Amino acid sequence: MKSKTLLIAAAALAATVISSEAQVYSQNVVGYVNVVCPANTLVLAANPLDNGTNDLNSLCGTLPSKSQAQFWNGAGFTICNKTTTWSPDPTLAPGTGFFIKSATLQTNTFVGNVACFSGSSVTNTLAANTLYLVGSTIPYGDNFNSTSNTLNLNLLPSKSQAQVWNGAGFTIVNKTASWSPNQTIAVGQGFFIKSATATNWVESLP
């Protein structure tokens, strides 16, 4: 089977908070993304693939008992705890960011379909001045100012803002003519985004 690697990356965010590897198979557009979760360390991850259900039990079911997840509800975080299963068990669609804290060192593997086909795009609707916890909807990593026509974060309007988890808190990134300080987002990494005006964030798959 012919394969196409979108990204193989290790991203260190303050003490190696998150690292990821992605492999996508071009014939059936399915793949996997590995996200390393150090023991008892908050990792800001994001679901990069569509596994059909996208509930927490299917996305992170292999993490051990006493692990914890936190997902953004628009005003704060809802806490999910793992015993034999996750409770509550929210649905986290591709492109949804969430915090994960594993009770032991684990690698969580996301497996599923890419949200769009090669040569197509996916649209994320952003309301004005609304905080969203997101990740790339396609398994692709790049920096905020990249003009590769894939993530297209460089096209968001001036006065937008992002918050990137650094392991102890958030690095604030502001958009004027460009994003500063420029940040690189890895496959499977979550971040907060707030658009200055209502806009569509359109990601394109080469």
N, C-alpha and C. Protein backbone atom coordinates (compact mmCIF):
# COMPACT_ATOMS: atom_id res chain seq x y z
N MET A 1 0.84 -1.18 0.00
CA MET A 1 0.00 0.00 0.00
C MET A 1 0.88 1.24 0.00
N LYS A 2 0.63 2.12 -0.92
CA LYS A 2 1.39 3.35 -0.98
C LYS A 2 0.97 4.26 0.16
N SER A 3 1.92 4.83 0.83
CA SER A 3 1.60 5.68 1.96
C SER A 3 2.15 7.08 1.76
N LYS A 4 1.50 8.02 2.40
CA LYS A 4 1.92 9.41 2.33
C LYS A 4 2.02 9.95 3.74
N THR A 5 3.18 10.40 4.14
CA THR A 5 3.36 10.95 5.46
C THR A 5 3.08 12.43 5.44
N LEU A 6 2.07 12.87 6.18
CA LEU A 6 1.80 14.30 6.29
C LEU A 6 2.77 14.95 7.24
N LEU A 7 3.05 14.29 8.36
CA LEU A 7 3.96 14.89 9.32
C LEU A 7 4.47 13.83 10.27
N ILE A 8 5.77 13.83 10.52
CA ILE A 8 6.33 13.06 11.62
C ILE A 8 7.07 14.07 12.47
N ALA A 9 6.56 14.34 13.65
CA ALA A 9 7.10 15.45 14.42
C ALA A 9 7.15 15.11 15.89
N ALA A 10 8.12 15.70 16.57
CA ALA A 10 8.16 15.67 18.03
C ALA A 10 8.18 17.11 18.48
N ALA A 11 7.15 17.52 19.18
CA ALA A 11 7.06 18.91 19.61
C ALA A 11 7.24 18.96 21.10
N ALA A 12 8.24 19.71 21.58
CA ALA A 12 8.46 19.85 23.01
C ALA A 12 7.90 21.18 23.48
N LEU A 13 6.91 21.10 24.35
CA LEU A 13 6.32 22.32 24.91
C LEU A 13 6.65 22.33 26.40
N ALA A 14 7.57 23.10 26.75
CA ALA A 14 8.12 23.20 28.13
C ALA A 14 8.61 21.86 28.64
N ALA A 15 8.90 21.03 28.95
CA ALA A 15 9.36 19.74 29.40
C ALA A 15 8.73 18.60 28.62
N THR A 16 8.78 18.70 27.32
CA THR A 16 8.21 17.69 26.43
C THR A 16 6.78 17.38 26.81
N VAL A 17 5.96 18.39 26.75
CA VAL A 17 4.55 18.23 27.14
C VAL A 17 3.81 17.36 26.15
N ILE A 18 4.10 17.52 24.86
CA ILE A 18 3.35 16.74 23.88
C ILE A 18 4.26 16.42 22.71
N SER A 19 4.19 15.18 22.23
CA SER A 19 4.85 14.84 20.98
C SER A 19 3.89 14.01 20.16
N SER A 20 4.02 14.07 18.85
CA SER A 20 3.04 13.39 18.02
C SER A 20 3.66 12.86 16.75
N GLU A 21 3.06 11.82 16.23
CA GLU A 21 3.48 11.23 14.97
C GLU A 21 2.23 10.90 14.18
N ALA A 22 2.25 11.20 12.91
CA ALA A 22 1.07 10.94 12.09
C ALA A 22 1.47 10.18 10.84
N GLN A 23 0.65 9.23 10.46
CA GLN A 23 0.83 8.51 9.20
C GLN A 23 -0.54 8.41 8.56
N VAL A 24 -0.65 8.84 7.33
CA VAL A 24 -1.92 8.78 6.61
C VAL A 24 -1.73 7.98 5.34
N TYR A 25 -2.63 7.03 5.10
CA TYR A 25 -2.54 6.19 3.92
C TYR A 25 -3.40 6.78 2.81
N SER A 26 -2.79 7.02 1.65
CA SER A 26 -3.44 7.81 0.61
C SER A 26 -4.56 7.06 -0.11
N GLN A 27 -4.55 5.73 -0.10
CA GLN A 27 -5.56 5.01 -0.87
C GLN A 27 -6.92 4.98 -0.17
N ASN A 28 -6.92 4.83 1.16
CA ASN A 28 -8.21 4.77 1.85
C ASN A 28 -8.37 5.91 2.86
N VAL A 29 -7.44 6.81 2.89
CA VAL A 29 -7.52 8.03 3.70
C VAL A 29 -7.83 7.72 5.16
N VAL A 30 -7.15 6.72 5.71
CA VAL A 30 -7.23 6.47 7.14
C VAL A 30 -5.82 6.56 7.70
N GLY A 31 -5.71 6.75 8.98
CA GLY A 31 -4.38 6.87 9.55
C GLY A 31 -4.42 6.83 11.06
N TYR A 32 -3.28 7.19 11.65
CA TYR A 32 -3.17 7.22 13.09
C TYR A 32 -2.32 8.41 13.49
N VAL A 33 -2.53 8.87 14.70
CA VAL A 33 -1.72 9.93 15.29
C VAL A 33 -1.42 9.53 16.73
N ASN A 34 -0.14 9.50 17.09
CA ASN A 34 0.27 9.19 18.45
C ASN A 34 0.54 10.46 19.23
N VAL A 35 -0.02 10.56 20.41
CA VAL A 35 0.23 11.68 21.31
C VAL A 35 0.76 11.12 22.63
N VAL A 36 1.96 11.52 23.00
CA VAL A 36 2.60 11.05 24.23
C VAL A 36 2.03 11.83 25.41
N CYS A 37 1.61 11.08 26.44
CA CYS A 37 1.04 11.68 27.65
C CYS A 37 1.91 11.31 28.84
N PRO A 38 2.79 12.22 29.30
CA PRO A 38 3.58 11.93 30.51
C PRO A 38 2.67 11.74 31.72
N ALA A 39 3.14 11.02 32.72
CA ALA A 39 2.33 10.73 33.89
C ALA A 39 1.93 12.00 34.63
N ASN A 40 0.65 12.10 34.94
CA ASN A 40 0.10 13.19 35.76
C ASN A 40 0.51 14.58 35.25
N THR A 41 0.52 14.74 33.95
CA THR A 41 0.89 16.00 33.31
C THR A 41 -0.22 16.42 32.35
N LEU A 42 -0.67 17.65 32.46
CA LEU A 42 -1.70 18.12 31.55
C LEU A 42 -1.14 18.30 30.14
N VAL A 43 -1.76 17.65 29.19
CA VAL A 43 -1.40 17.74 27.78
C VAL A 43 -2.60 18.33 27.05
N LEU A 44 -2.38 19.37 26.27
CA LEU A 44 -3.47 19.96 25.49
C LEU A 44 -3.47 19.30 24.11
N ALA A 45 -4.33 18.32 23.95
CA ALA A 45 -4.40 17.51 22.73
C ALA A 45 -5.59 17.97 21.89
N ALA A 46 -5.73 17.37 20.71
CA ALA A 46 -6.87 17.62 19.84
C ALA A 46 -7.13 16.37 19.02
N ASN A 47 -8.39 16.11 18.76
CA ASN A 47 -8.75 14.96 17.93
C ASN A 47 -8.48 15.29 16.46
N PRO A 48 -7.51 14.61 15.80
CA PRO A 48 -7.16 14.94 14.42
C PRO A 48 -7.83 14.06 13.37
N LEU A 49 -8.60 13.05 13.80
CA LEU A 49 -9.18 12.08 12.86
C LEU A 49 -10.61 11.74 13.27
N ASP A 50 -11.38 11.25 12.32
CA ASP A 50 -12.77 10.87 12.55
C ASP A 50 -12.85 9.35 12.68
N ASN A 51 -13.16 8.86 13.91
CA ASN A 51 -13.23 7.40 14.09
C ASN A 51 -14.66 6.87 14.01
N GLY A 52 -15.61 7.75 13.66
CA GLY A 52 -16.99 7.31 13.49
C GLY A 52 -17.88 7.68 14.65
N THR A 53 -17.38 7.58 15.88
CA THR A 53 -18.15 7.97 17.06
C THR A 53 -17.54 9.18 17.75
N ASN A 54 -16.22 9.23 17.83
CA ASN A 54 -15.47 10.36 18.39
C ASN A 54 -15.84 10.67 19.84
N ASP A 55 -16.33 9.67 20.57
CA ASP A 55 -16.56 9.87 21.99
C ASP A 55 -15.26 9.60 22.75
N LEU A 56 -15.17 10.10 23.98
CA LEU A 56 -13.93 10.01 24.74
C LEU A 56 -13.51 8.57 24.98
N ASN A 57 -14.48 7.67 25.17
CA ASN A 57 -14.14 6.27 25.40
C ASN A 57 -13.48 5.62 24.19
N SER A 58 -13.84 6.05 22.99
CA SER A 58 -13.21 5.48 21.80
C SER A 58 -11.90 6.21 21.47
N LEU A 59 -11.81 7.49 21.82
CA LEU A 59 -10.60 8.26 21.52
C LEU A 59 -9.47 7.97 22.49
N CYS A 60 -9.81 7.81 23.77
CA CYS A 60 -8.79 7.67 24.82
C CYS A 60 -9.09 6.50 25.75
N GLY A 61 -9.72 5.46 25.22
CA GLY A 61 -10.14 4.33 26.04
C GLY A 61 -9.01 3.51 26.62
N THR A 62 -7.80 3.60 26.03
CA THR A 62 -6.68 2.79 26.52
C THR A 62 -5.92 3.46 27.67
N LEU A 63 -6.24 4.72 27.97
CA LEU A 63 -5.57 5.37 29.10
C LEU A 63 -6.01 4.71 30.40
N PRO A 64 -5.12 4.67 31.40
CA PRO A 64 -5.40 3.89 32.61
C PRO A 64 -6.43 4.54 33.53
N SER A 65 -6.92 3.75 34.45
CA SER A 65 -7.81 4.24 35.50
C SER A 65 -7.15 5.38 36.25
N LYS A 66 -7.95 6.32 36.71
CA LYS A 66 -7.53 7.52 37.43
C LYS A 66 -6.96 8.59 36.51
N SER A 67 -7.08 8.40 35.19
CA SER A 67 -6.75 9.47 34.25
C SER A 67 -7.89 10.49 34.26
N GLN A 68 -7.60 11.67 33.70
CA GLN A 68 -8.61 12.73 33.69
C GLN A 68 -8.56 13.49 32.37
N ALA A 69 -9.71 13.95 31.92
CA ALA A 69 -9.81 14.81 30.73
C ALA A 69 -10.62 16.04 31.10
N GLN A 70 -10.35 17.14 30.39
CA GLN A 70 -11.09 18.38 30.59
C GLN A 70 -11.45 18.93 29.22
N PHE A 71 -12.74 19.14 28.96
CA PHE A 71 -13.13 19.71 27.68
C PHE A 71 -13.85 21.03 27.88
N TRP A 72 -13.63 21.95 26.95
CA TRP A 72 -14.14 23.32 27.04
C TRP A 72 -15.62 23.34 26.69
N ASN A 73 -16.44 23.93 27.55
CA ASN A 73 -17.88 23.98 27.31
C ASN A 73 -18.35 25.37 26.90
N GLY A 74 -17.41 26.27 26.64
CA GLY A 74 -17.75 27.62 26.22
C GLY A 74 -17.63 28.65 27.31
N ALA A 75 -17.66 28.18 28.57
CA ALA A 75 -17.53 29.08 29.71
C ALA A 75 -16.49 28.60 30.71
N GLY A 76 -16.15 27.34 30.64
CA GLY A 76 -15.19 26.73 31.55
C GLY A 76 -14.95 25.29 31.13
N PHE A 77 -14.36 24.52 32.02
CA PHE A 77 -14.02 23.13 31.69
C PHE A 77 -14.95 22.15 32.38
N THR A 78 -15.40 21.14 31.64
CA THR A 78 -16.10 20.01 32.21
C THR A 78 -15.09 18.90 32.46
N ILE A 79 -15.09 18.34 33.67
CA ILE A 79 -14.12 17.33 34.07
C ILE A 79 -14.66 15.94 33.77
N CYS A 80 -13.83 15.11 33.14
CA CYS A 80 -14.17 13.71 32.89
C CYS A 80 -13.14 12.83 33.60
N ASN A 81 -13.60 11.82 34.30
CA ASN A 81 -12.70 10.92 35.03
C ASN A 81 -12.78 9.51 34.46
N LYS A 82 -11.65 8.82 34.48
CA LYS A 82 -11.59 7.45 33.96
C LYS A 82 -11.50 6.45 35.11
N THR A 83 -12.45 5.54 35.16
CA THR A 83 -12.32 4.38 36.03
C THR A 83 -12.16 3.20 35.07
N THR A 84 -13.17 2.38 34.92
CA THR A 84 -13.11 1.39 33.84
C THR A 84 -13.47 2.03 32.51
N THR A 85 -14.32 3.08 32.57
CA THR A 85 -14.68 3.87 31.38
C THR A 85 -14.65 5.34 31.75
N TRP A 86 -14.77 6.20 30.74
CA TRP A 86 -14.81 7.63 30.98
C TRP A 86 -16.22 8.08 31.35
N SER A 87 -16.30 8.98 32.33
CA SER A 87 -17.58 9.56 32.72
C SER A 87 -17.36 11.01 33.15
N PRO A 88 -18.14 11.95 32.53
CA PRO A 88 -19.01 11.75 31.37
C PRO A 88 -18.20 11.36 30.12
N ASP A 89 -18.91 11.02 29.07
CA ASP A 89 -18.28 10.53 27.84
C ASP A 89 -18.67 11.44 26.67
N PRO A 90 -18.07 12.64 26.58
CA PRO A 90 -18.47 13.60 25.55
C PRO A 90 -18.03 13.18 24.15
N THR A 91 -18.69 13.73 23.16
CA THR A 91 -18.25 13.57 21.77
C THR A 91 -17.33 14.73 21.42
N LEU A 92 -16.15 14.41 20.92
CA LEU A 92 -15.12 15.39 20.57
C LEU A 92 -14.82 15.24 19.08
N ALA A 93 -15.52 16.02 18.27
CA ALA A 93 -15.39 15.92 16.82
C ALA A 93 -13.97 16.26 16.38
N PRO A 94 -13.56 15.83 15.18
CA PRO A 94 -12.24 16.21 14.68
C PRO A 94 -12.05 17.73 14.73
N GLY A 95 -10.88 18.15 15.21
CA GLY A 95 -10.62 19.57 15.36
C GLY A 95 -10.98 20.12 16.72
N THR A 96 -11.44 19.25 17.65
CA THR A 96 -11.77 19.68 19.00
C THR A 96 -10.58 19.48 19.92
N GLY A 97 -10.20 20.52 20.63
CA GLY A 97 -9.11 20.42 21.59
C GLY A 97 -9.63 20.05 22.97
N PHE A 98 -8.79 19.39 23.76
CA PHE A 98 -9.15 19.05 25.13
C PHE A 98 -7.88 18.71 25.91
N PHE A 99 -7.94 18.93 27.22
CA PHE A 99 -6.84 18.55 28.09
C PHE A 99 -6.96 17.08 28.46
N ILE A 100 -5.82 16.42 28.54
CA ILE A 100 -5.78 15.04 28.98
C ILE A 100 -4.65 14.89 30.00
N LYS A 101 -4.91 14.15 31.07
CA LYS A 101 -3.89 13.86 32.07
C LYS A 101 -3.93 12.38 32.38
N SER A 102 -2.91 11.67 31.93
CA SER A 102 -2.85 10.23 32.13
C SER A 102 -2.25 9.91 33.50
N ALA A 103 -2.79 8.88 34.16
CA ALA A 103 -2.28 8.48 35.47
C ALA A 103 -0.87 7.91 35.40
N THR A 104 -0.49 7.37 34.25
CA THR A 104 0.87 6.85 34.03
C THR A 104 1.33 7.29 32.65
N LEU A 105 2.62 7.18 32.38
CA LEU A 105 3.15 7.50 31.06
C LEU A 105 2.50 6.60 30.01
N GLN A 106 1.84 7.20 29.03
CA GLN A 106 1.15 6.45 27.99
C GLN A 106 1.28 7.17 26.65
N THR A 107 1.15 6.42 25.58
CA THR A 107 0.98 7.01 24.26
C THR A 107 -0.44 6.74 23.81
N ASN A 108 -1.21 7.82 23.62
CA ASN A 108 -2.58 7.66 23.15
C ASN A 108 -2.59 7.71 21.63
N THR A 109 -3.20 6.72 21.01
CA THR A 109 -3.23 6.62 19.55
C THR A 109 -4.63 6.93 19.04
N PHE A 110 -4.73 8.02 18.26
CA PHE A 110 -5.97 8.34 17.57
C PHE A 110 -5.95 7.60 16.23
N VAL A 111 -7.03 6.91 15.91
CA VAL A 111 -7.13 6.17 14.66
C VAL A 111 -8.45 6.56 13.99
N GLY A 112 -8.40 6.83 12.68
CA GLY A 112 -9.64 7.16 11.99
C GLY A 112 -9.42 7.72 10.61
N ASN A 113 -10.47 8.30 10.06
CA ASN A 113 -10.44 8.86 8.71
C ASN A 113 -10.06 10.33 8.74
N VAL A 114 -9.38 10.78 7.70
CA VAL A 114 -9.11 12.19 7.52
C VAL A 114 -10.42 12.90 7.18
N ALA A 115 -10.62 14.09 7.74
CA ALA A 115 -11.91 14.79 7.62
C ALA A 115 -12.24 15.22 6.21
N CYS A 116 -11.23 15.37 5.36
CA CYS A 116 -11.52 15.73 3.97
C CYS A 116 -10.53 15.02 3.06
N PHE A 117 -10.83 14.97 1.79
CA PHE A 117 -9.99 14.27 0.83
C PHE A 117 -8.93 15.20 0.26
N SER A 118 -7.90 14.61 -0.29
CA SER A 118 -6.82 15.38 -0.91
C SER A 118 -7.39 16.30 -1.99
N GLY A 119 -7.00 17.57 -1.92
CA GLY A 119 -7.49 18.54 -2.88
C GLY A 119 -8.77 19.24 -2.44
N SER A 120 -9.28 18.89 -1.25
CA SER A 120 -10.50 19.54 -0.75
C SER A 120 -10.18 20.31 0.53
N SER A 121 -11.20 20.85 1.17
CA SER A 121 -10.99 21.68 2.35
C SER A 121 -12.08 21.42 3.38
N VAL A 122 -11.85 21.91 4.59
CA VAL A 122 -12.83 21.82 5.66
C VAL A 122 -12.94 23.20 6.29
N THR A 123 -14.18 23.61 6.59
CA THR A 123 -14.45 24.96 7.09
C THR A 123 -14.82 24.93 8.56
N ASN A 124 -14.15 25.77 9.35
CA ASN A 124 -14.45 25.94 10.76
C ASN A 124 -15.04 27.34 10.95
N THR A 125 -16.29 27.42 11.38
CA THR A 125 -16.96 28.71 11.56
C THR A 125 -16.63 29.28 12.93
N LEU A 126 -16.09 30.51 12.94
CA LEU A 126 -15.71 31.17 14.19
C LEU A 126 -16.55 32.42 14.38
N ALA A 127 -17.27 32.50 15.49
CA ALA A 127 -18.01 33.71 15.83
C ALA A 127 -17.03 34.77 16.33
N ALA A 128 -17.44 36.01 16.28
CA ALA A 128 -16.56 37.11 16.71
C ALA A 128 -16.32 37.07 18.21
N ASN A 129 -15.04 37.26 18.60
CA ASN A 129 -14.65 37.40 20.01
C ASN A 129 -15.16 36.27 20.89
N THR A 130 -15.14 35.08 20.34
CA THR A 130 -15.56 33.88 21.06
C THR A 130 -14.38 32.92 21.17
N LEU A 131 -14.14 32.43 22.38
CA LEU A 131 -12.99 31.57 22.62
C LEU A 131 -13.34 30.13 22.28
N TYR A 132 -12.57 29.52 21.40
CA TYR A 132 -12.75 28.13 20.99
C TYR A 132 -11.49 27.34 21.34
N LEU A 133 -11.68 26.12 21.84
CA LEU A 133 -10.55 25.21 22.07
C LEU A 133 -10.52 24.24 20.90
N VAL A 134 -9.52 24.39 20.05
CA VAL A 134 -9.49 23.71 18.76
C VAL A 134 -8.16 22.99 18.53
N GLY A 135 -8.09 22.33 17.41
CA GLY A 135 -6.87 21.78 16.85
C GLY A 135 -7.09 21.73 15.35
N SER A 136 -6.09 21.35 14.61
CA SER A 136 -6.31 21.21 13.18
C SER A 136 -7.29 20.07 12.92
N THR A 137 -8.26 20.32 12.05
CA THR A 137 -9.25 19.30 11.70
C THR A 137 -8.65 18.22 10.81
N ILE A 138 -7.53 18.53 10.18
CA ILE A 138 -6.80 17.54 9.38
C ILE A 138 -5.47 17.26 10.06
N PRO A 139 -4.90 16.06 9.90
CA PRO A 139 -3.65 15.71 10.59
C PRO A 139 -2.44 16.38 9.95
N TYR A 140 -2.29 17.67 10.22
CA TYR A 140 -1.21 18.46 9.63
C TYR A 140 -0.77 19.49 10.64
N GLY A 141 0.54 19.65 10.79
CA GLY A 141 1.08 20.64 11.71
C GLY A 141 1.89 21.68 10.97
N ASP A 142 1.85 22.91 11.46
CA ASP A 142 2.58 24.01 10.83
C ASP A 142 2.58 25.19 11.80
N ASN A 143 3.23 26.28 11.41
CA ASN A 143 3.24 27.46 12.26
C ASN A 143 2.11 28.43 11.88
N PHE A 144 1.82 29.35 12.77
CA PHE A 144 0.70 30.27 12.58
C PHE A 144 0.86 31.15 11.34
N ASN A 145 2.09 31.53 11.03
CA ASN A 145 2.32 32.45 9.92
C ASN A 145 2.59 31.76 8.59
N SER A 146 2.50 30.46 8.55
CA SER A 146 2.79 29.72 7.32
C SER A 146 1.83 30.11 6.19
N THR A 147 2.37 30.22 4.99
CA THR A 147 1.56 30.53 3.81
C THR A 147 1.43 29.30 2.90
N SER A 148 1.49 28.12 3.51
CA SER A 148 1.46 26.88 2.73
C SER A 148 0.08 26.55 2.17
N ASN A 149 -0.94 27.35 2.54
CA ASN A 149 -2.32 27.12 2.09
C ASN A 149 -2.87 25.80 2.61
N THR A 150 -2.47 25.43 3.84
CA THR A 150 -3.01 24.21 4.46
C THR A 150 -3.74 24.56 5.75
N LEU A 151 -3.02 24.97 6.80
CA LEU A 151 -3.69 25.38 8.03
C LEU A 151 -4.39 26.73 7.86
N ASN A 152 -3.74 27.65 7.16
CA ASN A 152 -4.32 28.96 6.83
C ASN A 152 -4.67 29.81 8.05
N LEU A 153 -3.95 29.61 9.16
CA LEU A 153 -4.15 30.48 10.32
C LEU A 153 -3.69 31.90 10.03
N ASN A 154 -2.79 32.05 9.06
CA ASN A 154 -2.31 33.37 8.66
C ASN A 154 -3.41 34.24 8.06
N LEU A 155 -4.53 33.62 7.66
CA LEU A 155 -5.61 34.36 7.02
C LEU A 155 -6.66 34.87 8.01
N LEU A 156 -6.53 34.53 9.29
CA LEU A 156 -7.49 35.04 10.26
C LEU A 156 -7.32 36.55 10.41
N PRO A 157 -8.39 37.26 10.77
CA PRO A 157 -8.34 38.72 10.76
C PRO A 157 -7.41 39.32 11.81
N SER A 158 -6.97 40.54 11.53
CA SER A 158 -6.16 41.30 12.48
C SER A 158 -6.92 41.47 13.80
N LYS A 159 -6.14 41.49 14.89
CA LYS A 159 -6.65 41.60 16.26
C LYS A 159 -7.23 40.30 16.79
N SER A 160 -7.05 39.20 16.05
CA SER A 160 -7.39 37.89 16.58
C SER A 160 -6.33 37.48 17.60
N GLN A 161 -6.64 36.45 18.39
CA GLN A 161 -5.71 36.02 19.43
C GLN A 161 -5.74 34.51 19.56
N ALA A 162 -4.60 33.93 19.90
CA ALA A 162 -4.49 32.51 20.19
C ALA A 162 -3.81 32.33 21.54
N GLN A 163 -4.08 31.20 22.18
CA GLN A 163 -3.40 30.85 23.42
C GLN A 163 -2.86 29.43 23.26
N VAL A 164 -1.55 29.29 23.39
CA VAL A 164 -0.87 28.01 23.17
C VAL A 164 -0.31 27.52 24.50
N TRP A 165 -0.70 26.32 24.89
CA TRP A 165 -0.27 25.73 26.17
C TRP A 165 1.23 25.47 26.14
N ASN A 166 1.94 25.91 27.19
CA ASN A 166 3.39 25.73 27.25
C ASN A 166 3.84 24.80 28.36
N GLY A 167 2.88 24.12 28.99
CA GLY A 167 3.21 23.16 30.03
C GLY A 167 2.95 23.67 31.42
N ALA A 168 2.95 25.00 31.57
CA ALA A 168 2.69 25.61 32.87
C ALA A 168 1.61 26.67 32.79
N GLY A 169 1.34 27.13 31.60
CA GLY A 169 0.35 28.17 31.36
C GLY A 169 0.23 28.38 29.87
N PHE A 170 -0.30 29.53 29.48
CA PHE A 170 -0.54 29.79 28.06
C PHE A 170 0.36 30.89 27.54
N THR A 171 0.93 30.66 26.36
CA THR A 171 1.62 31.69 25.61
C THR A 171 0.58 32.42 24.77
N ILE A 172 0.47 33.74 24.93
CA ILE A 172 -0.51 34.53 24.19
C ILE A 172 0.10 34.95 22.86
N VAL A 173 -0.64 34.70 21.78
CA VAL A 173 -0.19 35.03 20.43
C VAL A 173 -1.21 35.98 19.82
N ASN A 174 -0.75 37.15 19.40
CA ASN A 174 -1.64 38.17 18.84
C ASN A 174 -1.41 38.34 17.35
N LYS A 175 -2.48 38.64 16.62
CA LYS A 175 -2.42 38.82 15.17
C LYS A 175 -2.55 40.30 14.82
N THR A 176 -1.57 40.84 14.15
CA THR A 176 -1.68 42.14 13.50
C THR A 176 -1.52 41.85 12.02
N ALA A 177 -0.42 42.29 11.41
CA ALA A 177 -0.16 41.86 10.04
C ALA A 177 0.23 40.39 10.02
N SER A 178 0.86 39.92 11.12
CA SER A 178 1.22 38.52 11.28
C SER A 178 1.06 38.15 12.75
N TRP A 179 1.21 36.85 13.05
CA TRP A 179 1.09 36.37 14.42
C TRP A 179 2.41 36.59 15.15
N SER A 180 2.33 37.05 16.42
CA SER A 180 3.53 37.26 17.22
C SER A 180 3.23 36.97 18.69
N PRO A 181 4.11 36.15 19.34
CA PRO A 181 5.21 35.41 18.74
C PRO A 181 4.69 34.23 17.92
N ASN A 182 5.32 33.96 16.80
CA ASN A 182 4.89 32.85 15.95
C ASN A 182 5.04 31.53 16.71
N GLN A 183 4.05 30.65 16.57
CA GLN A 183 4.06 29.36 17.26
C GLN A 183 3.82 28.25 16.25
N THR A 184 4.40 27.08 16.52
CA THR A 184 4.17 25.90 15.69
C THR A 184 3.18 24.97 16.38
N ILE A 185 2.18 24.54 15.64
CA ILE A 185 1.18 23.62 16.15
C ILE A 185 1.44 22.23 15.56
N ALA A 186 1.59 21.25 16.43
CA ALA A 186 1.87 19.88 15.99
C ALA A 186 0.58 19.13 15.70
N VAL A 187 0.70 18.03 14.99
CA VAL A 187 -0.44 17.14 14.77
C VAL A 187 -0.95 16.65 16.12
N GLY A 188 -2.25 16.74 16.34
CA GLY A 188 -2.82 16.27 17.59
C GLY A 188 -2.67 17.24 18.75
N GLN A 189 -2.30 18.49 18.49
CA GLN A 189 -2.13 19.49 19.54
C GLN A 189 -3.30 20.47 19.54
N GLY A 190 -3.83 20.77 20.71
CA GLY A 190 -4.90 21.73 20.84
C GLY A 190 -4.40 23.12 21.19
N PHE A 191 -5.23 24.12 20.94
CA PHE A 191 -4.92 25.50 21.31
C PHE A 191 -6.22 26.29 21.31
N PHE A 192 -6.23 27.41 22.03
CA PHE A 192 -7.37 28.30 22.02
C PHE A 192 -7.23 29.30 20.88
N ILE A 193 -8.35 29.66 20.26
CA ILE A 193 -8.35 30.67 19.20
C ILE A 193 -9.56 31.58 19.40
N LYS A 194 -9.35 32.87 19.14
CA LYS A 194 -10.45 33.85 19.23
C LYS A 194 -10.31 34.81 18.05
N SER A 195 -11.28 34.80 17.17
CA SER A 195 -11.24 35.66 16.00
C SER A 195 -11.83 37.03 16.34
N ALA A 196 -11.20 38.07 15.80
CA ALA A 196 -11.67 39.43 16.08
C ALA A 196 -13.02 39.72 15.44
N THR A 197 -13.32 39.05 14.34
CA THR A 197 -14.60 39.20 13.66
C THR A 197 -15.11 37.82 13.26
N ALA A 198 -16.38 37.72 12.98
CA ALA A 198 -16.93 36.45 12.52
C ALA A 198 -16.25 36.06 11.20
N THR A 199 -15.76 34.84 11.15
CA THR A 199 -15.03 34.42 9.96
C THR A 199 -15.10 32.91 9.79
N ASN A 200 -14.71 32.43 8.64
CA ASN A 200 -14.54 31.01 8.39
C ASN A 200 -13.05 30.69 8.31
N TRP A 201 -12.59 29.81 9.17
CA TRP A 201 -11.21 29.32 9.13
C TRP A 201 -11.23 28.07 8.24
N VAL A 202 -10.66 28.18 7.06
CA VAL A 202 -10.72 27.11 6.06
C VAL A 202 -9.36 26.43 5.97
N GLU A 203 -9.32 25.12 6.27
CA GLU A 203 -8.11 24.32 6.13
C GLU A 203 -8.18 23.53 4.83
N SER A 204 -7.06 23.42 4.13
CA SER A 204 -7.03 22.73 2.84
C SER A 204 -6.05 21.57 2.89
N LEU A 205 -6.46 20.44 2.36
CA LEU A 205 -5.59 19.26 2.32
C LEU A 205 -4.94 19.20 0.94
N PRO A 206 -3.58 19.22 0.87
CA PRO A 206 -2.90 19.20 -0.43
C PRO A 206 -3.27 17.95 -1.24
